[in-house]
Amino acid sequence: MSLKSVKTLLTLFGIIALVSCTDQAPVSQANGPAAPPAGSEAASEQIGVERWNSAEQVVLGSEVFTQNCAVCHGAQAQGAVGDWREKLADGSFPPPPLNGSAHAWHHPQEILLRVIDYGGEAMGGKMPAFIDVLEDHEKLAAVAYFQSFWTDDIYQQWMQMGGTN
């Protein structure tokens, strides 16, 4: 099987996984206050679950996210529209919140990184591809940053659904 075939198959799997998300609310609502970014004073006061990333990754992720993602997903990954499930006038879907209140937590890290690499057009959005824009460690850092807003409950559910596997 060629590398192109493998990439196509993986992309197709990612699209199927994203499309399989429902409009139902998550098992645990994350509409309450978001967890503070790791490494912040507020985060050091919380006792939480151990996460896959380091505080340094979250700091770098904050920079990467601010420069590349915040314009669409919001400075704290909260999204930029009231209902991310409602199509825009042009028929595309708006960028979803990534702070744990939408569906990003349904997808393992591999899928999140694939969407960063190839963009959101295949899922009806307008997110551009970042495969040639960001280095792998920057993509992981961006994921670490937006996950720093996830509650421990949402993070644990994400891990149970595949997380970093």
N, C-alpha and C. Protein backbone atom coordinates (compact mmCIF):
# COMPACT_ATOMS: atom_id res chain seq x y z
N MET A 1 0.85 -1.16 0.00
CA MET A 1 0.00 0.00 0.00
C MET A 1 0.91 1.23 0.00
N SER A 2 0.65 2.16 -0.89
CA SER A 2 1.49 3.35 -1.00
C SER A 2 1.23 4.32 0.14
N LEU A 3 2.16 5.23 0.36
CA LEU A 3 2.02 6.24 1.41
C LEU A 3 0.80 7.11 1.15
N LYS A 4 0.54 7.43 -0.13
CA LYS A 4 -0.62 8.24 -0.47
C LYS A 4 -1.91 7.51 -0.11
N SER A 5 -1.96 6.20 -0.36
CA SER A 5 -3.14 5.40 -0.02
C SER A 5 -3.36 5.37 1.48
N VAL A 6 -2.27 5.25 2.24
CA VAL A 6 -2.37 5.22 3.70
C VAL A 6 -2.90 6.56 4.19
N LYS A 7 -2.35 7.66 3.66
CA LYS A 7 -2.81 9.00 4.06
C LYS A 7 -4.28 9.18 3.72
N THR A 8 -4.69 8.75 2.56
CA THR A 8 -6.09 8.86 2.15
C THR A 8 -6.97 8.06 3.09
N LEU A 9 -6.57 6.84 3.40
CA LEU A 9 -7.33 6.00 4.31
C LEU A 9 -7.44 6.63 5.69
N LEU A 10 -6.34 7.16 6.22
CA LEU A 10 -6.35 7.81 7.53
C LEU A 10 -7.23 9.05 7.51
N THR A 11 -7.16 9.82 6.45
CA THR A 11 -8.00 11.01 6.34
C THR A 11 -9.47 10.61 6.30
N LEU A 12 -9.79 9.58 5.54
CA LEU A 12 -11.16 9.10 5.47
C LEU A 12 -11.64 8.64 6.84
N PHE A 13 -10.79 7.93 7.56
CA PHE A 13 -11.14 7.49 8.91
C PHE A 13 -11.42 8.70 9.80
N GLY A 14 -10.60 9.71 9.70
CA GLY A 14 -10.79 10.93 10.49
C GLY A 14 -12.09 11.63 10.17
N ILE A 15 -12.42 11.69 8.89
CA ILE A 15 -13.66 12.33 8.47
C ILE A 15 -14.86 11.55 9.00
N ILE A 16 -14.79 10.23 8.90
CA ILE A 16 -15.88 9.39 9.40
C ILE A 16 -16.03 9.60 10.91
N ALA A 17 -14.92 9.66 11.62
CA ALA A 17 -14.99 9.86 13.07
C ALA A 17 -15.59 11.21 13.41
N LEU A 18 -15.22 12.24 12.67
CA LEU A 18 -15.77 13.56 12.94
C LEU A 18 -17.24 13.66 12.57
N VAL A 19 -17.61 13.06 11.46
CA VAL A 19 -18.99 13.11 11.02
C VAL A 19 -19.88 12.32 11.97
N SER A 20 -19.32 11.31 12.62
CA SER A 20 -20.12 10.48 13.52
C SER A 20 -20.48 11.20 14.81
N CYS A 21 -19.93 12.38 15.03
CA CYS A 21 -20.31 13.16 16.21
C CYS A 21 -21.77 13.53 16.10
N THR A 22 -22.44 13.49 17.21
CA THR A 22 -23.85 13.86 17.20
C THR A 22 -24.01 15.25 17.76
N ASP A 23 -25.21 15.78 17.63
CA ASP A 23 -25.52 17.08 18.19
C ASP A 23 -25.89 16.97 19.67
N GLN A 24 -25.84 15.76 20.21
CA GLN A 24 -26.19 15.60 21.61
C GLN A 24 -25.11 16.20 22.48
N ALA A 25 -25.53 16.65 23.66
CA ALA A 25 -24.57 17.20 24.62
C ALA A 25 -23.69 16.08 25.13
N PRO A 26 -22.47 16.38 25.53
CA PRO A 26 -21.59 15.35 26.08
C PRO A 26 -22.19 14.77 27.36
N VAL A 27 -21.71 13.58 27.70
CA VAL A 27 -22.19 12.91 28.90
C VAL A 27 -22.03 13.83 30.10
N SER A 28 -20.91 14.52 30.16
CA SER A 28 -20.69 15.49 31.22
C SER A 28 -20.65 16.86 30.59
N GLN A 29 -21.52 17.74 30.97
CA GLN A 29 -21.56 19.07 30.37
C GLN A 29 -20.30 19.84 30.73
N ALA A 30 -19.72 20.50 29.76
CA ALA A 30 -18.54 21.32 29.99
C ALA A 30 -18.91 22.78 29.80
N ASN A 31 -20.15 23.12 30.01
CA ASN A 31 -20.57 24.49 29.80
C ASN A 31 -20.27 25.38 30.99
N GLY A 32 -19.78 24.82 32.06
CA GLY A 32 -19.40 25.61 33.22
C GLY A 32 -18.08 26.29 32.95
N PRO A 33 -17.47 26.86 33.97
CA PRO A 33 -16.21 27.54 33.77
C PRO A 33 -15.15 26.58 33.27
N ALA A 34 -14.38 27.02 32.33
CA ALA A 34 -13.32 26.19 31.78
C ALA A 34 -12.18 26.11 32.78
N ALA A 35 -11.45 25.01 32.72
CA ALA A 35 -10.28 24.87 33.57
C ALA A 35 -9.25 25.91 33.17
N PRO A 36 -8.53 26.46 34.12
CA PRO A 36 -7.51 27.44 33.76
C PRO A 36 -6.35 26.77 33.04
N PRO A 37 -5.62 27.52 32.22
CA PRO A 37 -4.49 26.93 31.52
C PRO A 37 -3.49 26.34 32.50
N ALA A 38 -2.95 25.17 32.14
CA ALA A 38 -1.94 24.54 32.98
C ALA A 38 -0.76 25.49 33.14
N GLY A 39 -0.16 25.46 34.30
CA GLY A 39 0.97 26.34 34.57
C GLY A 39 0.55 27.68 35.12
N SER A 40 -0.72 28.03 35.04
CA SER A 40 -1.18 29.30 35.58
C SER A 40 -1.34 29.18 37.08
N GLU A 41 -1.43 30.32 37.76
CA GLU A 41 -1.59 30.32 39.21
C GLU A 41 -2.85 29.57 39.61
N ALA A 42 -3.94 29.81 38.88
CA ALA A 42 -5.21 29.14 39.20
C ALA A 42 -5.09 27.63 39.01
N ALA A 43 -4.36 27.21 37.99
CA ALA A 43 -4.21 25.77 37.74
C ALA A 43 -3.40 25.12 38.85
N SER A 44 -2.40 25.81 39.36
CA SER A 44 -1.57 25.21 40.40
C SER A 44 -2.36 25.03 41.69
N GLU A 45 -3.48 25.76 41.83
CA GLU A 45 -4.33 25.62 43.01
C GLU A 45 -5.29 24.45 42.85
N GLN A 46 -5.50 23.96 41.63
CA GLN A 46 -6.42 22.85 41.40
C GLN A 46 -5.70 21.53 41.56
N ILE A 47 -6.41 20.57 42.09
CA ILE A 47 -5.88 19.22 42.12
C ILE A 47 -6.61 18.49 41.02
N GLY A 48 -5.88 18.03 40.02
CA GLY A 48 -6.54 17.44 38.87
C GLY A 48 -5.88 16.15 38.45
N VAL A 49 -6.36 15.64 37.34
CA VAL A 49 -5.80 14.42 36.79
C VAL A 49 -4.50 14.74 36.07
N GLU A 50 -3.66 13.75 35.97
CA GLU A 50 -2.40 13.92 35.26
C GLU A 50 -2.69 13.96 33.76
N ARG A 51 -2.11 14.92 33.08
CA ARG A 51 -2.32 15.10 31.65
C ARG A 51 -1.09 14.65 30.86
N TRP A 52 -1.27 14.44 29.57
CA TRP A 52 -0.19 13.93 28.72
C TRP A 52 0.88 14.97 28.45
N ASN A 53 0.54 16.25 28.58
CA ASN A 53 1.44 17.31 28.16
C ASN A 53 2.19 17.94 29.33
N SER A 54 3.18 18.74 28.99
CA SER A 54 3.94 19.47 30.00
C SER A 54 3.47 20.93 30.03
N ALA A 55 3.79 21.61 31.10
CA ALA A 55 3.46 23.04 31.23
C ALA A 55 4.13 23.83 30.11
N GLU A 56 5.33 23.42 29.72
CA GLU A 56 6.05 24.11 28.64
C GLU A 56 5.29 23.99 27.31
N GLN A 57 4.69 22.83 27.07
CA GLN A 57 3.90 22.66 25.85
C GLN A 57 2.69 23.59 25.84
N VAL A 58 2.07 23.77 26.99
CA VAL A 58 0.91 24.65 27.08
C VAL A 58 1.33 26.10 26.81
N VAL A 59 2.47 26.50 27.33
CA VAL A 59 2.97 27.86 27.10
C VAL A 59 3.24 28.06 25.61
N LEU A 60 3.96 27.14 24.99
CA LEU A 60 4.20 27.22 23.55
C LEU A 60 2.88 27.17 22.79
N GLY A 61 1.99 26.29 23.22
CA GLY A 61 0.69 26.15 22.58
C GLY A 61 -0.11 27.43 22.62
N SER A 62 0.01 28.18 23.69
CA SER A 62 -0.67 29.47 23.80
C SER A 62 -0.21 30.41 22.70
N GLU A 63 1.09 30.43 22.45
CA GLU A 63 1.65 31.27 21.39
C GLU A 63 1.20 30.80 20.01
N VAL A 64 1.31 29.49 19.77
CA VAL A 64 0.91 28.92 18.48
C VAL A 64 -0.57 29.16 18.23
N PHE A 65 -1.38 28.89 19.25
CA PHE A 65 -2.83 29.04 19.12
C PHE A 65 -3.20 30.50 18.87
N THR A 66 -2.57 31.40 19.60
CA THR A 66 -2.85 32.83 19.43
C THR A 66 -2.53 33.28 18.01
N GLN A 67 -1.42 32.82 17.48
CA GLN A 67 -0.98 33.25 16.15
C GLN A 67 -1.73 32.57 15.00
N ASN A 68 -2.25 31.38 15.23
CA ASN A 68 -2.81 30.61 14.11
C ASN A 68 -4.27 30.19 14.25
N CYS A 69 -4.79 30.16 15.46
CA CYS A 69 -6.10 29.55 15.68
C CYS A 69 -7.13 30.48 16.33
N ALA A 70 -6.66 31.39 17.16
CA ALA A 70 -7.56 32.21 17.99
C ALA A 70 -8.49 33.07 17.16
N VAL A 71 -8.05 33.52 16.01
CA VAL A 71 -8.90 34.38 15.18
C VAL A 71 -10.22 33.68 14.83
N CYS A 72 -10.21 32.38 14.74
CA CYS A 72 -11.43 31.62 14.41
C CYS A 72 -12.03 30.90 15.62
N HIS A 73 -11.19 30.35 16.47
CA HIS A 73 -11.67 29.54 17.59
C HIS A 73 -11.78 30.30 18.90
N GLY A 74 -11.38 31.58 18.92
CA GLY A 74 -11.44 32.38 20.14
C GLY A 74 -10.15 32.28 20.94
N ALA A 75 -9.81 33.34 21.65
CA ALA A 75 -8.54 33.42 22.39
C ALA A 75 -8.39 32.30 23.41
N GLN A 76 -9.49 31.88 24.01
CA GLN A 76 -9.44 30.79 24.98
C GLN A 76 -10.18 29.56 24.46
N ALA A 77 -10.16 29.40 23.16
CA ALA A 77 -10.75 28.23 22.49
C ALA A 77 -12.25 28.12 22.72
N GLN A 78 -12.91 29.23 23.03
CA GLN A 78 -14.33 29.23 23.36
C GLN A 78 -15.23 29.30 22.14
N GLY A 79 -14.68 29.42 20.96
CA GLY A 79 -15.48 29.56 19.76
C GLY A 79 -15.83 31.02 19.52
N ALA A 80 -16.39 31.29 18.35
CA ALA A 80 -16.68 32.68 17.98
C ALA A 80 -18.14 32.92 17.63
N VAL A 81 -18.96 31.88 17.70
CA VAL A 81 -20.38 32.03 17.37
C VAL A 81 -21.21 31.38 18.48
N GLY A 82 -22.48 31.72 18.51
CA GLY A 82 -23.38 31.16 19.52
C GLY A 82 -23.57 29.66 19.38
N ASP A 83 -23.86 29.18 18.17
CA ASP A 83 -24.09 27.75 17.95
C ASP A 83 -23.21 27.27 16.81
N TRP A 84 -22.17 26.57 17.15
CA TRP A 84 -21.21 26.07 16.18
C TRP A 84 -21.79 24.97 15.29
N ARG A 85 -22.98 24.46 15.62
CA ARG A 85 -23.62 23.40 14.82
C ARG A 85 -24.51 23.97 13.72
N GLU A 86 -24.77 25.27 13.76
CA GLU A 86 -25.63 25.92 12.78
C GLU A 86 -24.79 26.41 11.60
N LYS A 87 -25.19 26.04 10.41
CA LYS A 87 -24.44 26.46 9.23
C LYS A 87 -24.49 27.97 9.05
N LEU A 88 -23.43 28.49 8.50
CA LEU A 88 -23.36 29.92 8.18
C LEU A 88 -24.11 30.18 6.88
N ALA A 89 -24.26 31.45 6.53
CA ALA A 89 -25.00 31.83 5.32
C ALA A 89 -24.43 31.18 4.07
N ASP A 90 -23.12 30.94 4.04
CA ASP A 90 -22.49 30.34 2.86
C ASP A 90 -22.59 28.81 2.85
N GLY A 91 -23.25 28.23 3.88
CA GLY A 91 -23.43 26.78 3.92
C GLY A 91 -22.34 26.04 4.67
N SER A 92 -21.31 26.73 5.11
CA SER A 92 -20.23 26.07 5.86
C SER A 92 -20.54 26.11 7.36
N PHE A 93 -19.86 25.25 8.08
CA PHE A 93 -20.00 25.25 9.53
C PHE A 93 -18.97 26.20 10.13
N PRO A 94 -19.33 26.92 11.19
CA PRO A 94 -18.37 27.80 11.85
C PRO A 94 -17.36 26.99 12.65
N PRO A 95 -16.24 27.59 13.00
CA PRO A 95 -15.25 26.88 13.83
C PRO A 95 -15.85 26.55 15.19
N PRO A 96 -15.74 25.31 15.62
CA PRO A 96 -16.31 24.94 16.92
C PRO A 96 -15.42 25.40 18.07
N PRO A 97 -16.00 25.53 19.25
CA PRO A 97 -15.16 25.76 20.43
C PRO A 97 -14.27 24.53 20.63
N LEU A 98 -13.09 24.73 21.13
CA LEU A 98 -12.18 23.62 21.41
C LEU A 98 -11.93 23.48 22.90
N ASN A 99 -12.67 24.22 23.71
CA ASN A 99 -12.45 24.29 25.15
C ASN A 99 -13.15 23.18 25.93
N GLY A 100 -13.69 22.19 25.26
CA GLY A 100 -14.37 21.09 25.94
C GLY A 100 -15.87 21.19 25.89
N SER A 101 -16.40 22.29 25.34
CA SER A 101 -17.85 22.47 25.31
C SER A 101 -18.47 22.04 23.98
N ALA A 102 -17.67 21.61 23.04
CA ALA A 102 -18.17 21.13 21.75
C ALA A 102 -17.77 19.66 21.60
N HIS A 103 -17.31 19.27 20.43
CA HIS A 103 -17.07 17.84 20.18
C HIS A 103 -15.61 17.46 20.06
N ALA A 104 -14.66 18.36 20.22
CA ALA A 104 -13.25 18.01 20.05
C ALA A 104 -12.83 16.89 20.99
N TRP A 105 -13.42 16.85 22.16
CA TRP A 105 -13.04 15.81 23.13
C TRP A 105 -13.49 14.42 22.71
N HIS A 106 -14.32 14.32 21.69
CA HIS A 106 -14.76 13.00 21.19
C HIS A 106 -13.67 12.33 20.36
N HIS A 107 -12.64 13.06 19.99
CA HIS A 107 -11.67 12.56 19.02
C HIS A 107 -10.29 12.37 19.63
N PRO A 108 -9.67 11.22 19.35
CA PRO A 108 -8.32 10.99 19.86
C PRO A 108 -7.34 11.99 19.26
N GLN A 109 -6.22 12.10 19.91
CA GLN A 109 -5.19 13.05 19.49
C GLN A 109 -4.83 12.89 18.01
N GLU A 110 -4.77 11.67 17.55
CA GLU A 110 -4.43 11.41 16.15
C GLU A 110 -5.39 12.13 15.20
N ILE A 111 -6.67 12.10 15.50
CA ILE A 111 -7.67 12.76 14.66
C ILE A 111 -7.55 14.27 14.78
N LEU A 112 -7.37 14.76 15.99
CA LEU A 112 -7.20 16.21 16.19
C LEU A 112 -6.02 16.73 15.36
N LEU A 113 -4.92 15.99 15.39
CA LEU A 113 -3.74 16.40 14.62
C LEU A 113 -3.99 16.30 13.11
N ARG A 114 -4.76 15.31 12.69
CA ARG A 114 -5.08 15.16 11.27
C ARG A 114 -5.91 16.35 10.79
N VAL A 115 -6.85 16.80 11.61
CA VAL A 115 -7.66 17.97 11.24
C VAL A 115 -6.77 19.21 11.16
N ILE A 116 -5.84 19.34 12.09
CA ILE A 116 -4.89 20.47 12.02
C ILE A 116 -4.09 20.37 10.73
N ASP A 117 -3.62 19.19 10.41
CA ASP A 117 -2.81 19.00 9.19
C ASP A 117 -3.59 19.32 7.91
N TYR A 118 -4.79 18.77 7.79
CA TYR A 118 -5.51 18.81 6.50
C TYR A 118 -6.68 19.79 6.45
N GLY A 119 -6.98 20.43 7.57
CA GLY A 119 -8.04 21.43 7.58
C GLY A 119 -9.41 20.83 7.72
N GLY A 120 -10.42 21.70 7.62
CA GLY A 120 -11.78 21.28 7.88
C GLY A 120 -12.71 21.26 6.69
N GLU A 121 -12.20 21.49 5.50
CA GLU A 121 -13.07 21.49 4.31
C GLU A 121 -13.84 20.20 4.14
N ALA A 122 -13.21 19.09 4.39
CA ALA A 122 -13.86 17.79 4.21
C ALA A 122 -15.04 17.60 5.15
N MET A 123 -15.09 18.38 6.23
CA MET A 123 -16.18 18.27 7.21
C MET A 123 -17.15 19.43 7.10
N GLY A 124 -17.05 20.19 6.03
CA GLY A 124 -17.99 21.28 5.81
C GLY A 124 -17.57 22.62 6.38
N GLY A 125 -16.34 22.71 6.85
CA GLY A 125 -15.84 23.97 7.41
C GLY A 125 -14.86 24.65 6.47
N LYS A 126 -14.23 25.67 6.97
CA LYS A 126 -13.28 26.43 6.17
C LYS A 126 -11.87 26.42 6.74
N MET A 127 -11.64 25.65 7.77
CA MET A 127 -10.32 25.64 8.39
C MET A 127 -9.26 25.26 7.35
N PRO A 128 -8.21 26.08 7.26
CA PRO A 128 -7.14 25.75 6.32
C PRO A 128 -6.26 24.62 6.86
N ALA A 129 -5.50 24.04 5.97
CA ALA A 129 -4.53 23.01 6.35
C ALA A 129 -3.29 23.67 6.93
N PHE A 130 -2.75 23.07 7.98
CA PHE A 130 -1.54 23.60 8.61
C PHE A 130 -0.36 22.65 8.48
N ILE A 131 -0.49 21.65 7.60
CA ILE A 131 0.55 20.63 7.47
C ILE A 131 1.90 21.25 7.09
N ASP A 132 1.89 22.28 6.28
CA ASP A 132 3.13 22.92 5.85
C ASP A 132 3.39 24.23 6.59
N VAL A 133 2.58 24.54 7.59
CA VAL A 133 2.71 25.79 8.33
C VAL A 133 3.32 25.57 9.69
N LEU A 134 2.87 24.52 10.38
CA LEU A 134 3.31 24.25 11.74
C LEU A 134 4.15 22.98 11.80
N GLU A 135 5.13 22.99 12.68
CA GLU A 135 5.92 21.79 12.95
C GLU A 135 5.09 20.87 13.85
N ASP A 136 5.44 19.59 13.87
CA ASP A 136 4.68 18.62 14.67
C ASP A 136 4.60 19.03 16.14
N HIS A 137 5.72 19.50 16.71
CA HIS A 137 5.70 19.87 18.12
C HIS A 137 4.82 21.10 18.38
N GLU A 138 4.66 21.96 17.38
CA GLU A 138 3.77 23.12 17.51
C GLU A 138 2.30 22.68 17.48
N LYS A 139 2.00 21.70 16.64
CA LYS A 139 0.63 21.19 16.57
C LYS A 139 0.24 20.54 17.90
N LEU A 140 1.15 19.73 18.45
CA LEU A 140 0.90 19.10 19.75
C LEU A 140 0.74 20.16 20.83
N ALA A 141 1.54 21.21 20.75
CA ALA A 141 1.45 22.29 21.75
C ALA A 141 0.10 23.00 21.65
N ALA A 142 -0.39 23.22 20.43
CA ALA A 142 -1.71 23.87 20.26
C ALA A 142 -2.80 23.00 20.88
N VAL A 143 -2.71 21.68 20.70
CA VAL A 143 -3.67 20.76 21.30
C VAL A 143 -3.55 20.84 22.83
N ALA A 144 -2.33 20.84 23.34
CA ALA A 144 -2.12 20.95 24.79
C ALA A 144 -2.76 22.22 25.33
N TYR A 145 -2.62 23.31 24.58
CA TYR A 145 -3.19 24.58 25.03
C TYR A 145 -4.71 24.51 25.11
N PHE A 146 -5.38 24.09 24.02
CA PHE A 146 -6.84 24.11 24.11
C PHE A 146 -7.35 23.06 25.08
N GLN A 147 -6.61 21.98 25.28
CA GLN A 147 -7.02 20.99 26.28
C GLN A 147 -6.84 21.51 27.70
N SER A 148 -6.01 22.53 27.87
CA SER A 148 -5.83 23.08 29.22
C SER A 148 -7.11 23.73 29.73
N PHE A 149 -8.07 23.99 28.84
CA PHE A 149 -9.35 24.55 29.23
C PHE A 149 -10.39 23.46 29.54
N TRP A 150 -10.05 22.22 29.26
CA TRP A 150 -10.96 21.12 29.51
C TRP A 150 -11.02 20.81 31.00
N THR A 151 -12.23 20.51 31.48
CA THR A 151 -12.35 20.06 32.86
C THR A 151 -11.69 18.69 32.98
N ASP A 152 -11.36 18.31 34.21
CA ASP A 152 -10.79 16.98 34.42
C ASP A 152 -11.75 15.89 33.95
N ASP A 153 -13.04 16.11 34.16
CA ASP A 153 -14.04 15.13 33.74
C ASP A 153 -14.01 14.94 32.21
N ILE A 154 -14.01 16.04 31.49
CA ILE A 154 -13.95 15.96 30.02
C ILE A 154 -12.65 15.31 29.58
N TYR A 155 -11.54 15.68 30.21
CA TYR A 155 -10.25 15.09 29.85
C TYR A 155 -10.26 13.57 30.08
N GLN A 156 -10.80 13.13 31.20
CA GLN A 156 -10.86 11.69 31.49
C GLN A 156 -11.75 10.96 30.47
N GLN A 157 -12.87 11.59 30.08
CA GLN A 157 -13.73 10.98 29.06
C GLN A 157 -12.97 10.88 27.74
N TRP A 158 -12.21 11.91 27.40
CA TRP A 158 -11.40 11.90 26.18
C TRP A 158 -10.40 10.74 26.23
N MET A 159 -9.75 10.55 27.37
CA MET A 159 -8.80 9.45 27.50
C MET A 159 -9.51 8.11 27.34
N GLN A 160 -10.71 7.97 27.89
CA GLN A 160 -11.46 6.72 27.77
C GLN A 160 -11.88 6.46 26.32
N MET A 161 -12.04 7.52 25.55
CA MET A 161 -12.47 7.37 24.14
C MET A 161 -11.29 7.22 23.19
N GLY A 162 -10.09 7.10 23.69
CA GLY A 162 -8.93 6.91 22.82
C GLY A 162 -7.79 7.85 23.13
N GLY A 163 -8.12 9.05 23.60
CA GLY A 163 -7.10 10.02 24.03
C GLY A 163 -5.85 10.05 23.20
N THR A 164 -4.75 9.66 23.81
CA THR A 164 -3.46 9.72 23.15
C THR A 164 -3.09 8.41 22.46
N ASN A 165 -4.02 7.46 22.42
CA ASN A 165 -3.72 6.17 21.75
C ASN A 165 -3.76 6.29 20.26
